[in-house]
Protein backbone atom coordinates (compact mmCIF):
# COMPACT_ATOMS: atom_id res chain seq x y z
CA MET A 1 -17.04 -19.95 -51.44
CA LYS A 2 -13.42 -19.37 -50.44
CA GLN A 3 -12.57 -20.39 -47.27
CA CYS A 4 -9.60 -18.40 -45.08
CA MET A 5 -8.16 -20.69 -42.37
CA VAL A 6 -6.19 -18.21 -40.00
CA ILE A 7 -3.39 -19.65 -37.52
CA LEU A 8 -2.32 -17.27 -33.93
CA THR A 9 0.04 -18.24 -32.34
CA LEU A 10 0.94 -16.66 -29.01
CA LEU A 11 5.01 -16.19 -27.40
CA VAL A 12 4.80 -16.39 -24.07
CA PRO A 13 7.85 -16.02 -22.21
CA THR A 14 8.54 -19.13 -20.07
CA TYR A 15 10.98 -19.36 -16.53
CA SER A 16 12.48 -22.66 -16.09
CA PHE A 17 13.57 -23.14 -12.07
CA SER A 18 14.38 -25.83 -10.26
CA LYS A 19 13.75 -26.16 -6.06
CA SER A 20 16.80 -25.85 -5.40
CA ASP A 21 17.29 -22.61 -7.20
CA ASN A 22 13.87 -20.69 -6.14
CA LEU A 23 15.81 -19.45 -2.97
CA GLN A 24 18.83 -18.99 -4.01
CA ASP A 25 19.08 -15.29 -4.95
CA CYS A 26 17.28 -14.29 -1.61
CA PRO A 27 18.51 -12.62 1.09
CA ASN A 28 19.89 -14.98 3.71
CA PHE A 29 17.17 -14.25 5.85
CA LYS A 30 18.00 -14.92 9.65
CA GLU A 31 14.88 -17.26 11.68
CA SER A 32 14.12 -14.53 13.85
CA TYR A 33 14.01 -10.70 14.25
CA MET A 34 13.07 -9.45 17.68
CA THR A 35 12.78 -5.60 17.03
CA CYS A 36 11.21 -4.13 14.01
CA GLU A 37 11.08 -0.20 13.80
CA LYS A 38 9.44 1.79 10.80
CA ILE A 39 11.40 4.14 9.13
CA SER A 40 9.16 6.00 7.03
CA GLY A 41 5.77 5.77 4.93
CA GLN A 42 1.70 6.24 5.48
CA LEU A 43 1.35 4.01 7.79
CA PRO A 44 1.93 3.74 11.43
CA ALA A 45 4.46 1.08 12.65
CA PHE A 46 2.25 -2.37 12.70
CA PHE A 47 4.62 -4.78 13.58
CA SER A 48 7.05 -5.25 16.16
CA SER A 49 8.53 -8.50 15.24
CA VAL A 50 9.13 -11.01 12.40
CA LYS A 51 9.96 -14.97 12.53
CA ILE A 52 10.60 -16.76 9.13
CA GLN A 53 10.04 -20.25 8.29
CA LYS A 54 12.88 -21.49 5.27
CA LYS A 55 10.72 -24.61 4.48
CA SER A 56 11.96 -26.69 0.19
CA GLU A 57 11.04 -23.23 -1.81
CA ILE A 58 8.60 -21.37 0.25
CA LEU A 59 9.30 -18.50 2.34
CA THR A 60 7.04 -17.95 5.38
CA PHE A 61 7.24 -14.75 7.39
CA THR A 62 5.33 -14.39 10.93
CA THR A 63 5.29 -10.72 12.14
CA GLN A 64 3.94 -9.75 15.43
CA THR A 65 1.43 -7.01 14.77
CA PHE A 66 -1.08 -4.98 17.10
CA GLN A 67 -3.45 -7.60 16.27
CA GLY A 68 -1.76 -10.80 16.78
CA PRO A 69 0.32 -12.71 14.88
CA PHE A 70 0.28 -12.47 10.75
CA ARG A 71 1.66 -15.20 8.70
CA THR A 72 2.18 -14.78 4.99
CA THR A 73 4.04 -17.58 2.57
CA TYR A 74 5.70 -16.64 -0.47
CA THR A 75 7.06 -18.98 -3.00
CA PRO A 76 9.87 -17.24 -5.46
CA ASP A 77 9.62 -18.53 -8.54
CA ARG A 78 7.07 -15.77 -10.71
CA VAL A 79 4.43 -17.79 -11.04
CA VAL A 80 1.10 -15.67 -10.36
CA ARG A 81 -0.70 -17.08 -7.56
CA GLN A 82 -4.88 -16.53 -6.13
CA GLY A 83 -4.55 -15.48 -2.32
CA ARG A 84 -6.22 -13.90 0.24
CA ASP A 85 -4.80 -10.30 1.13
CA HIS A 86 -5.88 -7.07 3.43
CA HIS A 87 -6.25 -3.45 2.79
CA TYR A 88 -5.75 -0.70 5.15
CA LEU A 89 -7.84 2.02 4.27
CA GLU A 90 -6.53 5.70 4.38
CA ASP A 91 -8.96 5.94 7.65
CA GLY A 92 -6.86 3.13 9.58
CA THR A 93 -9.79 0.60 9.17
CA VAL A 94 -8.79 -2.70 7.66
CA LEU A 95 -10.40 -4.85 5.18
CA PRO A 96 -9.04 -8.43 5.71
CA ASP A 97 -9.32 -11.94 3.72
CA LEU A 98 -9.72 -10.67 -0.04
CA LEU A 99 -9.21 -12.09 -2.96
CA SER A 100 -5.51 -11.41 -4.25
CA HIS A 101 -3.22 -12.35 -7.12
CA GLU A 102 0.17 -12.50 -5.99
CA SER A 103 3.62 -13.42 -7.35
CA SER A 104 7.29 -13.01 -5.83
CA TYR A 105 11.03 -13.45 -6.95
CA CYS A 106 14.31 -13.42 -5.92
CA ALA A 107 17.48 -11.03 -7.23
CA ASN A 108 20.52 -9.73 -6.24
CA ASN A 109 19.38 -10.47 -2.47
CA VAL A 110 16.11 -8.79 -2.66
CA LEU A 111 12.87 -10.94 -2.28
CA TYR A 112 10.23 -8.47 -4.45
CA ILE A 113 6.51 -9.01 -3.93
CA SER A 114 3.84 -8.25 -6.25
CA GLU A 115 -0.07 -8.53 -5.53
CA ILE A 116 -2.52 -7.55 -7.07
CA THR A 117 -5.87 -6.84 -4.23
CA PHE A 118 -9.54 -6.79 -5.44
CA LEU A 119 -11.38 -4.21 -2.98
CA PRO A 120 -15.29 -4.43 -2.19
CA ASN A 121 -16.16 -1.82 -4.26
CA GLY A 122 -14.84 -3.37 -7.26
CA SER A 123 -11.82 -1.42 -7.53
CA VAL A 124 -8.19 -2.87 -6.82
CA THR A 125 -4.89 -1.84 -5.72
CA GLN A 126 -1.31 -2.83 -6.94
CA GLU A 127 0.98 -3.56 -3.74
CA SER A 128 4.85 -3.69 -4.27
CA ALA A 129 6.92 -5.14 -1.82
CA GLU A 130 11.15 -5.59 -1.42
CA MET A 131 12.41 -7.29 1.33
CA SER A 132 16.55 -6.96 2.06
CA ILE A 133 19.09 -7.48 4.55
CA ASP A 134 21.18 -4.54 4.57
CA ASP A 135 25.37 -4.79 5.62
CA LYS A 136 24.73 -4.14 9.32
CA GLY A 137 22.61 -7.46 9.29
CA LYS A 138 19.47 -5.84 9.19
CA LEU A 139 15.83 -7.21 7.45
CA ILE A 140 14.95 -3.99 5.16
CA PHE A 141 10.89 -4.10 4.86
CA LYS A 142 9.61 -1.15 1.72
CA VAL A 143 5.63 -1.89 0.71
CA SER A 144 4.29 0.09 -1.57
CA VAL A 145 0.58 0.29 -2.75
CA ASP A 146 -0.68 2.51 -5.98
CA GLY A 147 3.06 3.54 -5.60
CA LYS A 148 2.93 5.37 -2.83
CA LEU A 149 4.91 4.55 0.21
CA LEU A 150 3.10 2.49 2.91
CA LEU A 151 5.81 1.79 5.09
CA LYS A 152 9.58 0.91 5.58
CA ALA A 153 11.09 -0.23 8.62
CA PHE A 154 14.43 -2.88 9.62
CA CYS A 155 14.04 -4.61 11.59
CA THR A 156 17.21 -6.63 13.92
CA LYS A 157 18.40 -9.83 15.68
């Protein structure tokens, strides 16, 4: 009886970033934007201001919402991390503290965020977001869930 050995080679793309490179392609965010307004989308305007803190290779956004301050942290290095997220149902119900997998990166002065959130009924939802600065210095947020525009807003100083 002859034995056969199969060698499987898996090619996985890798990215190499130094700590200082993570934020170099990100927008030049200001520390705070005191007024935010909804432009379009299915969600009501649920935040009124945002503060942005840059520390090493991490960006922390603290939005003032109708439920108080909401903090999200992004490390724009394309690594997928386990996180926690909240999800808004169409009837306005908020599902807090759900398991998620999230990743972010910056390119061409835009912060791109991708997130998969695991819902209690066993389904998943895919969220994508973009944050950029327009030519007038406004912070522009675009958030889509499962391909539908959930919120587009702008914030000013």
